[in-house]
Amino acid sequence: AATGILRNTTWQVQSLMDNFWPGLLSINAAPQPGLKWNLGDFKKLDLISVRVPKSDFMLALLAQSGPLAVASAVQTGKAPRREVSALTEYHDEIPLIVDGGTLPEGPASTILTVRDNTITAVRIGAVSLVQLKEIQPSVSAATY
């Protein structure tokens, strides 16, 4: 699924994608060198986050468009916004906002970071560390 976007997708990472996508698992990893998307970091981070959402609308859109580069409307440390009306401060900065109605409350996505063939859970959300380790025992939890 993400092999055209992510560099060096190992079988370990692929097994996690196969088991938890579509769903609430985000994977931070190095992008393919030829990826020319402008994600606002001037390619300094050498890291992108990918996820396949479970939303029927988004899956239909992705089936028509292919991968999309999008930003999260959630600011670090703040609660997720569940309604488009909560994004009024961004209307001048965001070229397209799709109103899919009020989003249901639920757990955040689990976020993994992949670097040097090491898979680290940097945020545990909807997918638990136990579930991750059942598929890929080498996943470790971040220590801060």
N, C-alpha and C. Protein backbone atom coordinates (compact mmCIF):
# COMPACT_ATOMS: atom_id res chain seq x y z
N ALA A 1 0.82 -1.20 0.00
CA ALA A 1 0.00 0.00 0.00
C ALA A 1 0.86 1.26 0.00
N ALA A 2 1.83 1.34 0.90
CA ALA A 2 2.62 2.56 1.02
C ALA A 2 4.02 2.42 0.45
N THR A 3 4.31 1.32 -0.23
CA THR A 3 5.67 1.10 -0.72
C THR A 3 6.10 2.12 -1.75
N GLY A 4 5.17 2.72 -2.47
CA GLY A 4 5.52 3.76 -3.43
C GLY A 4 5.79 5.10 -2.77
N ILE A 5 5.42 5.23 -1.51
CA ILE A 5 5.58 6.48 -0.78
C ILE A 5 6.71 6.39 0.24
N LEU A 6 6.80 5.24 0.93
CA LEU A 6 7.80 5.07 1.98
C LEU A 6 9.04 4.37 1.44
N ARG A 7 10.19 4.80 1.92
CA ARG A 7 11.47 4.21 1.56
C ARG A 7 11.73 2.96 2.42
N ASN A 8 12.20 1.92 1.79
CA ASN A 8 12.62 0.70 2.51
C ASN A 8 11.55 0.14 3.44
N THR A 9 10.36 -0.10 2.91
CA THR A 9 9.30 -0.70 3.72
C THR A 9 9.64 -2.17 3.94
N THR A 10 9.95 -2.51 5.17
CA THR A 10 10.34 -3.89 5.51
C THR A 10 9.11 -4.77 5.64
N TRP A 11 9.32 -6.07 5.65
CA TRP A 11 8.19 -6.99 5.83
C TRP A 11 7.55 -6.80 7.20
N GLN A 12 8.34 -6.36 8.20
CA GLN A 12 7.79 -6.13 9.53
C GLN A 12 6.78 -4.98 9.51
N VAL A 13 7.15 -3.90 8.85
CA VAL A 13 6.25 -2.75 8.73
C VAL A 13 5.05 -3.13 7.87
N GLN A 14 5.29 -3.85 6.77
CA GLN A 14 4.21 -4.27 5.89
C GLN A 14 3.20 -5.14 6.64
N SER A 15 3.67 -6.01 7.53
CA SER A 15 2.75 -6.86 8.29
C SER A 15 1.84 -6.03 9.19
N LEU A 16 2.36 -4.95 9.76
CA LEU A 16 1.53 -4.07 10.59
C LEU A 16 0.50 -3.33 9.73
N MET A 17 0.92 -2.85 8.56
CA MET A 17 -0.02 -2.20 7.66
C MET A 17 -1.11 -3.18 7.24
N ASP A 18 -0.73 -4.40 6.89
CA ASP A 18 -1.71 -5.40 6.44
C ASP A 18 -2.73 -5.72 7.52
N ASN A 19 -2.32 -5.70 8.77
CA ASN A 19 -3.21 -6.07 9.87
C ASN A 19 -4.05 -4.92 10.43
N PHE A 20 -3.56 -3.69 10.33
CA PHE A 20 -4.26 -2.59 10.99
C PHE A 20 -4.78 -1.51 10.05
N TRP A 21 -4.58 -1.66 8.76
CA TRP A 21 -5.14 -0.71 7.78
C TRP A 21 -6.26 -1.37 7.03
N PRO A 22 -7.32 -0.67 6.70
CA PRO A 22 -7.57 0.70 7.15
C PRO A 22 -7.85 0.73 8.66
N GLY A 23 -7.48 1.82 9.27
CA GLY A 23 -7.69 1.95 10.70
C GLY A 23 -6.82 3.01 11.33
N LEU A 24 -6.81 2.99 12.65
CA LEU A 24 -6.17 4.06 13.42
C LEU A 24 -4.71 3.75 13.76
N LEU A 25 -3.93 3.48 12.71
CA LEU A 25 -2.49 3.30 12.86
C LEU A 25 -1.79 4.22 11.89
N SER A 26 -0.97 5.13 12.41
CA SER A 26 -0.16 6.03 11.59
C SER A 26 1.29 5.57 11.67
N ILE A 27 1.98 5.65 10.54
CA ILE A 27 3.38 5.23 10.49
C ILE A 27 4.24 6.38 9.98
N ASN A 28 5.18 6.80 10.82
CA ASN A 28 6.15 7.83 10.44
C ASN A 28 7.39 7.12 9.91
N ALA A 29 7.78 7.45 8.69
CA ALA A 29 8.95 6.79 8.09
C ALA A 29 9.53 7.70 7.01
N ALA A 30 10.69 7.33 6.53
CA ALA A 30 11.37 8.12 5.48
C ALA A 30 10.61 7.98 4.16
N PRO A 31 10.44 9.10 3.45
CA PRO A 31 9.75 9.04 2.15
C PRO A 31 10.68 8.53 1.05
N GLN A 32 10.08 8.04 -0.02
CA GLN A 32 10.85 7.68 -1.21
C GLN A 32 11.62 8.91 -1.68
N PRO A 33 12.86 8.78 -2.12
CA PRO A 33 13.65 9.94 -2.56
C PRO A 33 13.00 10.73 -3.70
N GLY A 34 12.26 10.06 -4.56
CA GLY A 34 11.65 10.74 -5.70
C GLY A 34 10.34 11.42 -5.38
N LEU A 35 9.85 11.31 -4.15
CA LEU A 35 8.58 11.93 -3.77
C LEU A 35 8.75 13.45 -3.77
N LYS A 36 7.97 14.14 -4.57
CA LYS A 36 8.15 15.58 -4.75
C LYS A 36 7.08 16.41 -4.05
N TRP A 37 6.38 15.84 -3.09
CA TRP A 37 5.35 16.57 -2.38
C TRP A 37 5.99 17.65 -1.52
N ASN A 38 5.38 18.84 -1.51
CA ASN A 38 5.80 19.92 -0.63
C ASN A 38 4.97 19.81 0.63
N LEU A 39 5.57 19.28 1.67
CA LEU A 39 4.85 19.10 2.92
C LEU A 39 5.19 20.17 3.95
N GLY A 40 5.85 21.22 3.50
CA GLY A 40 6.11 22.36 4.36
C GLY A 40 7.36 22.27 5.21
N ASP A 41 8.15 21.21 5.07
CA ASP A 41 9.36 21.09 5.89
C ASP A 41 10.64 21.22 5.07
N PHE A 42 10.49 21.58 3.80
CA PHE A 42 11.63 21.74 2.89
C PHE A 42 12.48 20.47 2.83
N LYS A 43 11.83 19.31 3.06
CA LYS A 43 12.47 17.99 3.04
C LYS A 43 13.59 17.85 4.08
N LYS A 44 13.57 18.67 5.12
CA LYS A 44 14.60 18.60 6.15
C LYS A 44 14.36 17.45 7.13
N LEU A 45 13.11 17.11 7.37
CA LEU A 45 12.81 16.08 8.36
C LEU A 45 13.08 14.67 7.86
N ASP A 46 12.99 14.47 6.56
CA ASP A 46 13.13 13.14 5.96
C ASP A 46 12.20 12.14 6.65
N LEU A 47 10.99 12.61 6.94
CA LEU A 47 10.01 11.79 7.64
C LEU A 47 8.62 12.23 7.22
N ILE A 48 7.78 11.28 6.86
CA ILE A 48 6.37 11.58 6.60
C ILE A 48 5.53 10.61 7.41
N SER A 49 4.28 10.96 7.62
CA SER A 49 3.35 10.10 8.34
C SER A 49 2.30 9.61 7.36
N VAL A 50 2.06 8.31 7.35
CA VAL A 50 1.06 7.73 6.45
C VAL A 50 0.04 6.94 7.26
N ARG A 51 -1.19 6.96 6.75
CA ARG A 51 -2.29 6.21 7.38
C ARG A 51 -3.34 5.95 6.33
N VAL A 52 -4.02 4.83 6.43
CA VAL A 52 -5.18 4.55 5.59
C VAL A 52 -6.39 4.59 6.52
N PRO A 53 -7.24 5.62 6.38
CA PRO A 53 -8.38 5.78 7.28
C PRO A 53 -9.46 4.74 7.01
N LYS A 54 -10.33 4.56 7.99
CA LYS A 54 -11.42 3.59 7.86
C LYS A 54 -12.69 4.24 7.33
N SER A 55 -12.70 5.54 7.18
CA SER A 55 -13.87 6.28 6.71
C SER A 55 -14.25 5.85 5.29
N ASP A 56 -15.51 5.49 5.10
CA ASP A 56 -15.97 5.10 3.76
C ASP A 56 -15.76 6.22 2.76
N PHE A 57 -16.04 7.46 3.18
CA PHE A 57 -15.85 8.61 2.27
C PHE A 57 -14.39 8.73 1.86
N MET A 58 -13.48 8.66 2.83
CA MET A 58 -12.06 8.81 2.51
C MET A 58 -11.54 7.65 1.67
N LEU A 59 -12.00 6.44 1.94
CA LEU A 59 -11.57 5.29 1.13
C LEU A 59 -12.03 5.44 -0.31
N ALA A 60 -13.27 5.94 -0.51
CA ALA A 60 -13.77 6.17 -1.87
C ALA A 60 -12.97 7.27 -2.56
N LEU A 61 -12.66 8.34 -1.83
CA LEU A 61 -11.87 9.43 -2.38
C LEU A 61 -10.47 8.94 -2.76
N LEU A 62 -9.83 8.19 -1.88
CA LEU A 62 -8.49 7.67 -2.15
C LEU A 62 -8.48 6.69 -3.32
N ALA A 63 -9.56 5.94 -3.48
CA ALA A 63 -9.65 5.01 -4.62
C ALA A 63 -9.65 5.78 -5.94
N GLN A 64 -10.21 6.99 -5.93
CA GLN A 64 -10.26 7.82 -7.13
C GLN A 64 -9.00 8.65 -7.32
N SER A 65 -8.42 9.11 -6.22
CA SER A 65 -7.32 10.08 -6.31
C SER A 65 -5.93 9.47 -6.16
N GLY A 66 -5.83 8.36 -5.47
CA GLY A 66 -4.52 7.87 -5.05
C GLY A 66 -4.15 8.57 -3.75
N PRO A 67 -2.91 8.42 -3.30
CA PRO A 67 -2.50 9.01 -2.02
C PRO A 67 -2.68 10.52 -2.00
N LEU A 68 -3.04 11.03 -0.84
CA LEU A 68 -3.19 12.47 -0.63
C LEU A 68 -2.21 12.94 0.43
N ALA A 69 -1.67 14.13 0.25
CA ALA A 69 -0.85 14.77 1.28
C ALA A 69 -1.77 15.74 2.01
N VAL A 70 -2.04 15.46 3.27
CA VAL A 70 -2.97 16.29 4.04
C VAL A 70 -2.35 16.62 5.39
N ALA A 71 -2.85 17.66 5.99
CA ALA A 71 -2.42 18.06 7.33
C ALA A 71 -3.51 17.72 8.32
N SER A 72 -3.12 17.47 9.53
CA SER A 72 -4.08 17.22 10.58
C SER A 72 -4.64 18.55 11.08
N ALA A 73 -5.90 18.54 11.45
CA ALA A 73 -6.51 19.73 12.03
C ALA A 73 -6.33 19.74 13.54
N VAL A 74 -5.62 18.77 14.06
CA VAL A 74 -5.39 18.67 15.50
C VAL A 74 -4.03 19.28 15.82
N GLN A 75 -4.03 20.26 16.70
CA GLN A 75 -2.77 20.85 17.13
C GLN A 75 -2.24 20.07 18.32
N THR A 76 -0.94 19.92 18.40
CA THR A 76 -0.31 19.17 19.48
C THR A 76 -0.77 19.69 20.83
N GLY A 77 -1.21 18.77 21.67
CA GLY A 77 -1.64 19.12 23.01
C GLY A 77 -3.07 19.61 23.12
N LYS A 78 -3.78 19.69 22.00
CA LYS A 78 -5.17 20.16 22.03
C LYS A 78 -6.10 19.02 21.65
N ALA A 79 -7.35 19.14 22.07
CA ALA A 79 -8.35 18.13 21.75
C ALA A 79 -8.67 18.16 20.26
N PRO A 80 -8.98 16.99 19.68
CA PRO A 80 -9.35 16.97 18.26
C PRO A 80 -10.63 17.75 18.02
N ARG A 81 -10.71 18.34 16.86
CA ARG A 81 -11.91 19.07 16.48
C ARG A 81 -12.82 18.11 15.75
N ARG A 82 -14.08 18.09 16.13
CA ARG A 82 -15.01 17.12 15.58
C ARG A 82 -16.00 17.73 14.60
N GLU A 83 -15.98 19.07 14.48
CA GLU A 83 -16.90 19.75 13.57
C GLU A 83 -16.14 20.78 12.74
N VAL A 84 -16.56 20.97 11.49
CA VAL A 84 -15.92 21.94 10.60
C VAL A 84 -16.00 23.34 11.18
N SER A 85 -17.08 23.66 11.88
CA SER A 85 -17.22 25.00 12.44
C SER A 85 -16.10 25.34 13.42
N ALA A 86 -15.44 24.33 13.97
CA ALA A 86 -14.33 24.56 14.91
C ALA A 86 -13.05 24.96 14.19
N LEU A 87 -13.06 24.95 12.86
CA LEU A 87 -11.86 25.27 12.08
C LEU A 87 -11.89 26.69 11.51
N THR A 88 -12.75 27.55 12.02
CA THR A 88 -12.92 28.88 11.43
C THR A 88 -11.62 29.67 11.36
N GLU A 89 -10.72 29.50 12.31
CA GLU A 89 -9.47 30.26 12.29
C GLU A 89 -8.55 29.86 11.13
N TYR A 90 -8.84 28.72 10.49
CA TYR A 90 -7.99 28.22 9.41
C TYR A 90 -8.58 28.41 8.02
N HIS A 91 -9.77 28.95 7.91
CA HIS A 91 -10.43 29.04 6.60
C HIS A 91 -9.59 29.75 5.55
N ASP A 92 -8.77 30.72 5.92
CA ASP A 92 -7.93 31.42 4.94
C ASP A 92 -6.70 30.61 4.55
N GLU A 93 -6.31 29.64 5.36
CA GLU A 93 -5.09 28.87 5.12
C GLU A 93 -5.34 27.52 4.46
N ILE A 94 -6.56 27.00 4.58
CA ILE A 94 -6.86 25.66 4.07
C ILE A 94 -7.66 25.80 2.78
N PRO A 95 -7.09 25.29 1.66
CA PRO A 95 -7.77 25.47 0.37
C PRO A 95 -9.04 24.64 0.22
N LEU A 96 -9.16 23.52 0.92
CA LEU A 96 -10.35 22.68 0.79
C LEU A 96 -10.65 22.04 2.13
N ILE A 97 -11.88 22.21 2.58
CA ILE A 97 -12.35 21.56 3.79
C ILE A 97 -13.60 20.78 3.40
N VAL A 98 -13.62 19.50 3.70
CA VAL A 98 -14.77 18.66 3.40
C VAL A 98 -15.54 18.44 4.69
N ASP A 99 -16.82 18.80 4.70
CA ASP A 99 -17.65 18.65 5.88
C ASP A 99 -18.36 17.30 5.81
N GLY A 100 -17.89 16.37 6.61
CA GLY A 100 -18.49 15.05 6.67
C GLY A 100 -19.41 14.90 7.86
N GLY A 101 -19.81 16.02 8.44
CA GLY A 101 -20.66 15.97 9.63
C GLY A 101 -19.80 15.89 10.89
N THR A 102 -20.46 15.80 12.01
CA THR A 102 -19.75 15.71 13.29
C THR A 102 -19.07 14.35 13.40
N LEU A 103 -17.79 14.38 13.68
CA LEU A 103 -17.04 13.13 13.83
C LEU A 103 -17.33 12.52 15.19
N PRO A 104 -17.45 11.20 15.26
CA PRO A 104 -17.71 10.56 16.55
C PRO A 104 -16.48 10.64 17.45
N GLU A 105 -16.72 10.65 18.76
CA GLU A 105 -15.60 10.60 19.68
C GLU A 105 -15.01 9.20 19.66
N GLY A 106 -13.75 9.12 19.88
CA GLY A 106 -13.10 7.82 19.88
C GLY A 106 -11.63 7.98 20.18
N PRO A 107 -10.92 6.87 20.19
CA PRO A 107 -9.50 6.92 20.52
C PRO A 107 -8.69 7.56 19.39
N ALA A 108 -7.56 8.09 19.76
CA ALA A 108 -6.62 8.65 18.78
C ALA A 108 -5.93 7.50 18.05
N SER A 109 -5.28 7.84 16.95
CA SER A 109 -4.52 6.81 16.24
C SER A 109 -3.26 6.47 17.03
N THR A 110 -2.82 5.26 16.87
CA THR A 110 -1.52 4.84 17.39
C THR A 110 -0.48 5.29 16.37
N ILE A 111 0.63 5.83 16.84
CA ILE A 111 1.66 6.33 15.93
C ILE A 111 2.96 5.55 16.14
N LEU A 112 3.46 5.00 15.03
CA LEU A 112 4.75 4.31 15.03
C LEU A 112 5.76 5.14 14.27
N THR A 113 7.00 5.13 14.72
CA THR A 113 8.09 5.74 13.96
C THR A 113 9.06 4.62 13.57
N VAL A 114 9.42 4.62 12.29
CA VAL A 114 10.34 3.61 11.76
C VAL A 114 11.63 4.32 11.36
N ARG A 115 12.72 3.94 12.01
CA ARG A 115 14.05 4.48 11.69
C ARG A 115 15.07 3.37 11.86
N ASP A 116 15.95 3.23 10.88
CA ASP A 116 17.03 2.24 10.96
C ASP A 116 16.50 0.84 11.32
N ASN A 117 15.42 0.44 10.68
CA ASN A 117 14.79 -0.87 10.89
C ASN A 117 14.30 -1.09 12.32
N THR A 118 14.12 -0.01 13.07
CA THR A 118 13.56 -0.08 14.42
C THR A 118 12.16 0.52 14.38
N ILE A 119 11.19 -0.19 14.96
CA ILE A 119 9.81 0.28 14.99
C ILE A 119 9.49 0.66 16.43
N THR A 120 9.17 1.94 16.65
CA THR A 120 8.90 2.45 17.98
C THR A 120 7.50 3.03 18.04
N ALA A 121 6.72 2.62 19.03
CA ALA A 121 5.39 3.19 19.26
C ALA A 121 5.58 4.49 20.03
N VAL A 122 5.37 5.62 19.35
CA VAL A 122 5.57 6.92 20.00
C VAL A 122 4.27 7.44 20.62
N ARG A 123 3.13 6.89 20.20
CA ARG A 123 1.85 7.20 20.86
C ARG A 123 0.98 5.96 20.75
N ILE A 124 0.48 5.51 21.89
CA ILE A 124 -0.45 4.39 21.89
C ILE A 124 -1.86 4.96 21.93
N GLY A 125 -2.65 4.55 20.98
CA GLY A 125 -4.03 4.99 20.88
C GLY A 125 -4.94 3.79 20.68
N ALA A 126 -5.65 3.78 19.56
CA ALA A 126 -6.63 2.73 19.28
C ALA A 126 -6.02 1.34 19.18
N VAL A 127 -4.80 1.25 18.70
CA VAL A 127 -4.11 -0.05 18.59
C VAL A 127 -3.13 -0.14 19.77
N SER A 128 -3.32 -1.14 20.61
CA SER A 128 -2.49 -1.26 21.81
C SER A 128 -1.11 -1.83 21.49
N LEU A 129 -0.19 -1.65 22.42
CA LEU A 129 1.14 -2.22 22.27
C LEU A 129 1.06 -3.75 22.21
N VAL A 130 0.16 -4.33 22.97
CA VAL A 130 -0.03 -5.79 22.94
C VAL A 130 -0.46 -6.24 21.54
N GLN A 131 -1.42 -5.53 20.94
CA GLN A 131 -1.87 -5.87 19.58
C GLN A 131 -0.73 -5.75 18.57
N LEU A 132 0.05 -4.68 18.69
CA LEU A 132 1.19 -4.49 17.79
C LEU A 132 2.19 -5.64 17.93
N LYS A 133 2.51 -6.00 19.18
CA LYS A 133 3.51 -7.04 19.43
C LYS A 133 3.01 -8.42 19.01
N GLU A 134 1.69 -8.63 19.00
CA GLU A 134 1.15 -9.90 18.51
C GLU A 134 1.50 -10.10 17.04
N ILE A 135 1.51 -9.00 16.29
CA ILE A 135 1.83 -9.06 14.86
C ILE A 135 3.34 -8.94 14.64
N GLN A 136 3.96 -8.02 15.38
CA GLN A 136 5.39 -7.76 15.18
C GLN A 136 6.05 -7.58 16.56
N PRO A 137 6.60 -8.66 17.13
CA PRO A 137 7.18 -8.61 18.47
C PRO A 137 8.31 -7.59 18.65
N SER A 138 8.92 -7.14 17.57
CA SER A 138 10.04 -6.21 17.69
C SER A 138 9.61 -4.77 17.98
N VAL A 139 8.30 -4.48 17.93
CA VAL A 139 7.84 -3.11 18.22
C VAL A 139 8.15 -2.79 19.68
N SER A 140 8.74 -1.62 19.91
CA SER A 140 9.03 -1.19 21.28
C SER A 140 8.28 0.09 21.58
N ALA A 141 8.07 0.35 22.86
CA ALA A 141 7.42 1.58 23.28
C ALA A 141 8.47 2.66 23.47
N ALA A 142 8.12 3.88 23.10
CA ALA A 142 9.04 5.00 23.28
C ALA A 142 9.25 5.25 24.77
N THR A 143 10.46 5.62 25.12
CA THR A 143 10.76 6.00 26.50
C THR A 143 11.18 7.46 26.49
N TYR A 144 10.50 8.25 27.30
CA TYR A 144 10.80 9.68 27.35
C TYR A 144 11.32 10.06 28.70
